[in-house]
N, C-alpha and C. Protein backbone atom coordinates (compact mmCIF):
# COMPACT_ATOMS: atom_id res chain seq x y z
N GLN A 1 40.33 -164.55 153.03
CA GLN A 1 39.82 -165.74 152.37
C GLN A 1 38.48 -166.17 153.00
N PHE A 2 38.42 -166.19 154.35
CA PHE A 2 37.18 -166.60 155.02
C PHE A 2 36.06 -165.61 154.71
N ALA A 3 36.36 -164.32 154.84
CA ALA A 3 35.34 -163.29 154.63
C ALA A 3 34.79 -163.35 153.21
N GLU A 4 35.68 -163.49 152.24
CA GLU A 4 35.24 -163.54 150.84
C GLU A 4 34.34 -164.75 150.62
N ALA A 5 34.72 -165.89 151.17
CA ALA A 5 33.91 -167.10 151.00
C ALA A 5 32.56 -166.96 151.70
N ILE A 6 32.56 -166.39 152.89
CA ILE A 6 31.30 -166.20 153.62
C ILE A 6 30.37 -165.28 152.82
N LEU A 7 30.91 -164.18 152.32
CA LEU A 7 30.09 -163.25 151.54
C LEU A 7 29.57 -163.91 150.26
N ARG A 8 30.44 -164.65 149.57
CA ARG A 8 30.06 -165.29 148.30
C ARG A 8 28.97 -166.34 148.51
N PHE A 9 29.18 -167.25 149.46
CA PHE A 9 28.20 -168.32 149.67
C PHE A 9 26.93 -167.81 150.33
N SER A 10 27.05 -166.81 151.19
CA SER A 10 25.85 -166.22 151.80
C SER A 10 24.96 -165.60 150.73
N ALA A 11 25.58 -164.89 149.80
CA ALA A 11 24.81 -164.29 148.71
C ALA A 11 24.20 -165.38 147.83
N ALA A 12 24.97 -166.41 147.54
CA ALA A 12 24.49 -167.49 146.67
C ALA A 12 23.30 -168.23 147.27
N TYR A 13 23.32 -168.43 148.60
CA TYR A 13 22.26 -169.20 149.26
C TYR A 13 21.23 -168.33 149.98
N GLY A 14 21.39 -167.02 149.92
CA GLY A 14 20.42 -166.12 150.53
C GLY A 14 20.38 -166.18 152.05
N VAL A 15 21.55 -166.25 152.65
CA VAL A 15 21.67 -166.27 154.11
C VAL A 15 22.45 -165.03 154.53
N ASP A 16 22.01 -164.36 155.57
CA ASP A 16 22.71 -163.19 156.07
C ASP A 16 24.14 -163.58 156.46
N ALA A 17 25.12 -162.92 155.87
CA ALA A 17 26.53 -163.23 156.16
C ALA A 17 26.85 -163.05 157.63
N ARG A 18 26.17 -162.13 158.29
CA ARG A 18 26.42 -161.90 159.71
C ARG A 18 25.97 -163.10 160.55
N LEU A 19 24.93 -163.80 160.11
CA LEU A 19 24.52 -165.02 160.79
C LEU A 19 25.57 -166.10 160.60
N VAL A 20 26.10 -166.22 159.41
CA VAL A 20 27.14 -167.20 159.14
C VAL A 20 28.37 -166.92 160.01
N VAL A 21 28.75 -165.65 160.11
CA VAL A 21 29.88 -165.28 160.97
C VAL A 21 29.60 -165.69 162.41
N ALA A 22 28.40 -165.43 162.90
CA ALA A 22 28.05 -165.79 164.28
C ALA A 22 28.13 -167.30 164.49
N ILE A 23 27.61 -168.06 163.54
CA ILE A 23 27.64 -169.53 163.66
C ILE A 23 29.08 -170.04 163.67
N ILE A 24 29.89 -169.58 162.75
CA ILE A 24 31.27 -170.05 162.68
C ILE A 24 32.06 -169.62 163.92
N ALA A 25 31.82 -168.41 164.39
CA ALA A 25 32.51 -167.93 165.60
C ALA A 25 32.17 -168.82 166.80
N VAL A 26 30.91 -169.17 166.95
CA VAL A 26 30.49 -170.01 168.07
C VAL A 26 30.97 -171.45 167.87
N GLU A 27 30.89 -171.94 166.64
CA GLU A 27 31.27 -173.33 166.36
C GLU A 27 32.76 -173.60 166.56
N SER A 28 33.60 -172.72 166.00
CA SER A 28 35.04 -173.04 165.96
C SER A 28 35.96 -171.88 166.31
N SER A 29 35.41 -170.73 166.62
CA SER A 29 36.22 -169.53 166.83
C SER A 29 37.11 -169.25 165.62
N PHE A 30 36.60 -169.59 164.45
CA PHE A 30 37.28 -169.39 163.17
C PHE A 30 38.59 -170.18 163.05
N ASP A 31 38.65 -171.33 163.71
CA ASP A 31 39.82 -172.21 163.59
C ASP A 31 39.48 -173.30 162.56
N PRO A 32 40.06 -173.23 161.36
CA PRO A 32 39.72 -174.21 160.32
C PRO A 32 40.17 -175.63 160.65
N ASN A 33 41.05 -175.78 161.63
CA ASN A 33 41.54 -177.11 162.01
C ASN A 33 40.86 -177.66 163.25
N SER A 34 39.83 -176.97 163.71
CA SER A 34 39.13 -177.37 164.92
C SER A 34 38.42 -178.71 164.74
N THR A 35 38.51 -179.53 165.78
CA THR A 35 37.79 -180.80 165.82
C THR A 35 37.14 -180.91 167.19
N SER A 36 35.85 -181.17 167.23
CA SER A 36 35.15 -181.29 168.51
C SER A 36 35.38 -182.67 169.10
N HIS A 37 35.02 -182.81 170.37
CA HIS A 37 35.14 -184.11 171.03
C HIS A 37 34.20 -185.15 170.40
N LYS A 38 33.21 -184.69 169.63
CA LYS A 38 32.29 -185.62 168.95
C LYS A 38 32.71 -185.90 167.51
N GLY A 39 33.80 -185.25 167.07
CA GLY A 39 34.30 -185.49 165.72
C GLY A 39 33.88 -184.47 164.68
N ALA A 40 33.18 -183.40 165.08
CA ALA A 40 32.79 -182.35 164.14
C ALA A 40 34.04 -181.60 163.70
N MET A 41 34.07 -181.21 162.42
CA MET A 41 35.31 -180.72 161.82
C MET A 41 35.20 -179.33 161.21
N GLY A 42 36.30 -178.59 161.33
CA GLY A 42 36.47 -177.35 160.60
C GLY A 42 35.68 -176.17 161.12
N LEU A 43 35.62 -175.14 160.30
CA LEU A 43 35.01 -173.87 160.68
C LEU A 43 33.57 -174.00 161.16
N GLY A 44 32.76 -174.71 160.40
CA GLY A 44 31.34 -174.87 160.75
C GLY A 44 31.06 -176.11 161.57
N GLN A 45 32.13 -176.81 161.97
CA GLN A 45 32.02 -178.03 162.78
C GLN A 45 31.04 -179.03 162.17
N LEU A 46 31.37 -179.45 160.97
CA LEU A 46 30.54 -180.42 160.25
C LEU A 46 30.85 -181.83 160.74
N MET A 47 29.81 -182.59 161.01
CA MET A 47 29.99 -184.00 161.35
C MET A 47 30.40 -184.74 160.09
N PRO A 48 31.19 -185.80 160.23
CA PRO A 48 31.67 -186.52 159.04
C PRO A 48 30.55 -186.96 158.10
N SER A 49 29.45 -187.47 158.64
CA SER A 49 28.35 -187.93 157.77
C SER A 49 27.67 -186.76 157.07
N THR A 50 27.54 -185.65 157.76
CA THR A 50 26.95 -184.46 157.15
C THR A 50 27.83 -183.94 156.03
N ALA A 51 29.13 -183.84 156.32
CA ALA A 51 30.09 -183.36 155.32
C ALA A 51 30.04 -184.26 154.09
N ALA A 52 30.09 -185.56 154.30
CA ALA A 52 30.08 -186.50 153.17
C ALA A 52 28.78 -186.37 152.38
N GLY A 53 27.66 -186.24 153.07
CA GLY A 53 26.37 -186.11 152.41
C GLY A 53 26.24 -184.84 151.58
N MET A 54 27.06 -183.86 151.91
CA MET A 54 27.02 -182.59 151.19
C MET A 54 28.12 -182.51 150.14
N GLY A 55 28.83 -183.62 149.94
CA GLY A 55 29.86 -183.65 148.92
C GLY A 55 31.18 -183.02 149.33
N VAL A 56 31.36 -182.78 150.61
CA VAL A 56 32.62 -182.20 151.10
C VAL A 56 33.67 -183.30 151.14
N THR A 57 34.77 -183.08 150.44
CA THR A 57 35.84 -184.07 150.41
C THR A 57 36.90 -183.82 151.47
N ASN A 58 36.98 -182.58 151.96
CA ASN A 58 37.92 -182.22 153.02
C ASN A 58 37.24 -181.18 153.91
N ALA A 59 36.71 -181.61 155.04
CA ALA A 59 35.98 -180.70 155.92
C ALA A 59 36.88 -179.65 156.57
N TYR A 60 38.19 -179.85 156.48
CA TYR A 60 39.12 -178.86 157.02
C TYR A 60 39.51 -177.81 155.98
N ASP A 61 39.05 -178.00 154.75
CA ASP A 61 39.26 -176.98 153.73
C ASP A 61 38.25 -175.87 153.99
N PRO A 62 38.73 -174.65 154.28
CA PRO A 62 37.81 -173.58 154.66
C PRO A 62 36.73 -173.28 153.62
N ILE A 63 37.08 -173.33 152.36
CA ILE A 63 36.09 -173.00 151.33
C ILE A 63 34.99 -174.06 151.27
N GLN A 64 35.37 -175.33 151.24
CA GLN A 64 34.37 -176.39 151.23
C GLN A 64 33.51 -176.35 152.49
N ASN A 65 34.15 -176.09 153.63
CA ASN A 65 33.43 -176.08 154.89
C ASN A 65 32.45 -174.92 154.96
N ILE A 66 32.87 -173.74 154.55
CA ILE A 66 31.97 -172.59 154.56
C ILE A 66 30.80 -172.81 153.61
N ALA A 67 31.08 -173.33 152.43
CA ALA A 67 30.00 -173.60 151.47
C ALA A 67 28.97 -174.55 152.07
N ALA A 68 29.44 -175.62 152.69
CA ALA A 68 28.52 -176.59 153.29
C ALA A 68 27.79 -176.00 154.49
N THR A 69 28.48 -175.22 155.28
CA THR A 69 27.86 -174.59 156.45
C THR A 69 26.71 -173.68 156.03
N VAL A 70 26.95 -172.84 155.03
CA VAL A 70 25.92 -171.91 154.56
C VAL A 70 24.76 -172.68 153.93
N LYS A 71 25.07 -173.68 153.14
CA LYS A 71 24.02 -174.48 152.52
C LYS A 71 23.18 -175.21 153.58
N LEU A 72 23.84 -175.71 154.60
CA LEU A 72 23.16 -176.43 155.66
C LEU A 72 22.24 -175.50 156.46
N ILE A 73 22.74 -174.34 156.83
CA ILE A 73 21.89 -173.42 157.59
C ILE A 73 20.73 -172.92 156.72
N ARG A 74 20.97 -172.72 155.42
CA ARG A 74 19.89 -172.33 154.51
C ARG A 74 18.79 -173.40 154.51
N GLY A 75 19.20 -174.66 154.44
CA GLY A 75 18.24 -175.75 154.46
C GLY A 75 17.41 -175.78 155.74
N HIS A 76 18.06 -175.55 156.87
CA HIS A 76 17.34 -175.53 158.14
C HIS A 76 16.40 -174.33 158.23
N LEU A 77 16.86 -173.18 157.81
CA LEU A 77 16.00 -171.99 157.82
C LEU A 77 14.77 -172.21 156.94
N GLU A 78 14.99 -172.83 155.79
CA GLU A 78 13.89 -173.11 154.86
C GLU A 78 12.92 -174.13 155.45
N LYS A 79 13.47 -175.17 156.06
CA LYS A 79 12.64 -176.25 156.61
C LYS A 79 11.69 -175.75 157.70
N TYR A 80 12.16 -174.82 158.52
CA TYR A 80 11.37 -174.37 159.67
C TYR A 80 10.72 -173.00 159.48
N LYS A 81 10.79 -172.45 158.28
CA LYS A 81 10.35 -171.07 158.04
C LYS A 81 8.91 -170.79 158.44
N ASP A 82 8.04 -171.77 158.40
CA ASP A 82 6.63 -171.56 158.72
C ASP A 82 6.30 -171.85 160.18
N LYS A 83 7.30 -172.20 160.97
CA LYS A 83 7.10 -172.50 162.39
C LYS A 83 7.26 -171.22 163.20
N PRO A 84 6.54 -171.12 164.33
CA PRO A 84 6.63 -169.92 165.15
C PRO A 84 8.04 -169.59 165.64
N ASP A 85 8.84 -170.58 165.94
CA ASP A 85 10.17 -170.37 166.49
C ASP A 85 11.23 -170.77 165.47
N ALA A 86 11.02 -170.37 164.22
CA ALA A 86 11.83 -170.85 163.10
C ALA A 86 13.33 -170.65 163.29
N PHE A 87 13.74 -169.47 163.72
CA PHE A 87 15.17 -169.17 163.87
C PHE A 87 15.82 -170.12 164.88
N ASN A 88 15.20 -170.26 166.05
CA ASN A 88 15.75 -171.15 167.06
C ASN A 88 15.72 -172.62 166.63
N LEU A 89 14.68 -173.01 165.92
CA LEU A 89 14.60 -174.38 165.42
C LEU A 89 15.71 -174.66 164.41
N ALA A 90 15.98 -173.69 163.54
CA ALA A 90 17.05 -173.86 162.56
C ALA A 90 18.40 -173.99 163.25
N LEU A 91 18.64 -173.17 164.26
CA LEU A 91 19.90 -173.28 165.01
C LEU A 91 19.98 -174.58 165.79
N ALA A 92 18.87 -175.00 166.36
CA ALA A 92 18.85 -176.28 167.08
C ALA A 92 19.14 -177.44 166.14
N ALA A 93 18.57 -177.39 164.95
CA ALA A 93 18.82 -178.44 163.96
C ALA A 93 20.28 -178.44 163.53
N TYR A 94 20.86 -177.26 163.38
CA TYR A 94 22.28 -177.18 163.01
C TYR A 94 23.14 -177.80 164.11
N ASN A 95 22.79 -177.54 165.34
CA ASN A 95 23.59 -178.02 166.47
C ASN A 95 23.33 -179.48 166.82
N ALA A 96 22.07 -179.85 166.95
CA ALA A 96 21.72 -181.18 167.45
C ALA A 96 21.21 -182.12 166.37
N GLY A 97 20.91 -181.58 165.19
CA GLY A 97 20.39 -182.38 164.10
C GLY A 97 18.88 -182.26 163.98
N SER A 98 18.40 -182.36 162.75
CA SER A 98 16.96 -182.28 162.49
C SER A 98 16.20 -183.39 163.19
N GLY A 99 16.83 -184.55 163.31
CA GLY A 99 16.17 -185.67 163.97
C GLY A 99 15.85 -185.37 165.42
N ALA A 100 16.76 -184.70 166.12
CA ALA A 100 16.51 -184.34 167.51
C ALA A 100 15.39 -183.32 167.61
N VAL A 101 15.36 -182.37 166.70
CA VAL A 101 14.27 -181.38 166.69
C VAL A 101 12.94 -182.07 166.45
N ARG A 102 12.92 -183.01 165.54
CA ARG A 102 11.69 -183.76 165.24
C ARG A 102 11.27 -184.61 166.45
N ARG A 103 12.22 -185.33 167.04
CA ARG A 103 11.91 -186.19 168.19
C ARG A 103 11.31 -185.41 169.36
N TYR A 104 11.82 -184.23 169.60
CA TYR A 104 11.36 -183.44 170.75
C TYR A 104 10.25 -182.45 170.37
N GLY A 105 9.88 -182.41 169.11
CA GLY A 105 8.82 -181.51 168.68
C GLY A 105 9.19 -180.05 168.86
N GLY A 106 10.46 -179.75 168.77
CA GLY A 106 10.96 -178.39 168.96
C GLY A 106 12.42 -178.43 169.37
N VAL A 107 12.87 -177.38 170.01
CA VAL A 107 14.25 -177.32 170.46
C VAL A 107 14.49 -178.42 171.48
N PRO A 108 15.46 -179.29 171.25
CA PRO A 108 15.72 -180.37 172.21
C PRO A 108 16.19 -179.80 173.55
N PRO A 109 15.85 -180.47 174.65
CA PRO A 109 16.20 -179.95 175.97
C PRO A 109 17.65 -180.23 176.37
N PHE A 110 18.55 -180.11 175.42
CA PHE A 110 19.95 -180.36 175.70
C PHE A 110 20.61 -179.05 176.12
N LYS A 111 21.34 -179.08 177.22
CA LYS A 111 22.01 -177.88 177.71
C LYS A 111 22.93 -177.31 176.63
N GLU A 112 23.66 -178.17 175.93
CA GLU A 112 24.56 -177.71 174.87
C GLU A 112 23.80 -176.96 173.78
N THR A 113 22.64 -177.48 173.40
CA THR A 113 21.87 -176.86 172.32
C THR A 113 21.26 -175.54 172.76
N THR A 114 20.70 -175.48 173.94
CA THR A 114 20.13 -174.21 174.40
C THR A 114 21.22 -173.16 174.57
N ARG A 115 22.37 -173.56 175.06
CA ARG A 115 23.49 -172.63 175.20
C ARG A 115 23.98 -172.16 173.83
N TYR A 116 24.03 -173.08 172.89
CA TYR A 116 24.45 -172.77 171.52
C TYR A 116 23.52 -171.73 170.89
N ILE A 117 22.23 -171.95 170.99
CA ILE A 117 21.25 -171.01 170.44
C ILE A 117 21.44 -169.63 171.07
N TRP A 118 21.60 -169.59 172.38
CA TRP A 118 21.79 -168.33 173.08
C TRP A 118 23.04 -167.61 172.58
N LYS A 119 24.15 -168.34 172.46
CA LYS A 119 25.41 -167.73 172.02
C LYS A 119 25.30 -167.18 170.59
N VAL A 120 24.78 -167.99 169.67
CA VAL A 120 24.65 -167.54 168.28
C VAL A 120 23.70 -166.35 168.21
N HIS A 121 22.58 -166.45 168.88
CA HIS A 121 21.60 -165.36 168.85
C HIS A 121 22.21 -164.07 169.37
N ASN A 122 22.90 -164.13 170.48
CA ASN A 122 23.49 -162.91 171.06
C ASN A 122 24.57 -162.32 170.18
N LEU A 123 25.41 -163.15 169.60
CA LEU A 123 26.45 -162.63 168.71
C LEU A 123 25.83 -162.05 167.44
N TYR A 124 24.85 -162.75 166.90
CA TYR A 124 24.16 -162.25 165.70
C TYR A 124 23.49 -160.91 166.00
N LYS A 125 22.91 -160.78 167.16
CA LYS A 125 22.26 -159.53 167.55
C LYS A 125 23.27 -158.39 167.62
N GLN A 126 24.48 -158.68 168.06
CA GLN A 126 25.54 -157.66 168.10
C GLN A 126 26.00 -157.30 166.69
N LEU A 127 26.09 -158.29 165.83
CA LEU A 127 26.57 -158.07 164.46
C LEU A 127 25.49 -157.43 163.58
N ALA A 128 24.24 -157.70 163.89
CA ALA A 128 23.13 -157.25 163.04
C ALA A 128 22.01 -156.64 163.87
N PRO A 129 22.28 -155.55 164.58
CA PRO A 129 21.24 -155.00 165.45
C PRO A 129 19.99 -154.58 164.67
N ASP A 130 20.16 -154.24 163.39
CA ASP A 130 19.02 -153.86 162.56
C ASP A 130 18.01 -155.00 162.38
N MET A 131 18.45 -156.24 162.56
CA MET A 131 17.56 -157.39 162.41
C MET A 131 16.67 -157.60 163.63
N PHE A 132 16.97 -156.88 164.71
CA PHE A 132 16.27 -157.13 165.98
C PHE A 132 15.57 -155.89 166.51
N GLN A 133 15.18 -154.99 165.63
CA GLN A 133 14.50 -153.77 166.07
C GLN A 133 13.01 -153.94 165.99
């Protein structure tokens, strides 16, 4: 169910499915019932306000969560596509929010965010070595 949804929404939004897998693995270890200490929910660890803003009625529903996760990462990739560090900025925005990226003029100096970028990048590199040649 997760794989089919990841493939379907990745194709629909033009995001590499392997990147989505890396993000979800780092965010929740594929636990659809995961809740962070900050209140982020489900597979993609959506914050309640983000989920609501994206029309998600149940952030613990894997299909709704995956759809929102892919759409959200697509938006961040699109927003930063012309910046030199676009990939890291998109991941930073997913983790810390676009506002934090804007406030700091780049990747925020949060240990959690820098660690998050490193983890997603390394897993994505393992899943998609062809993207890093």
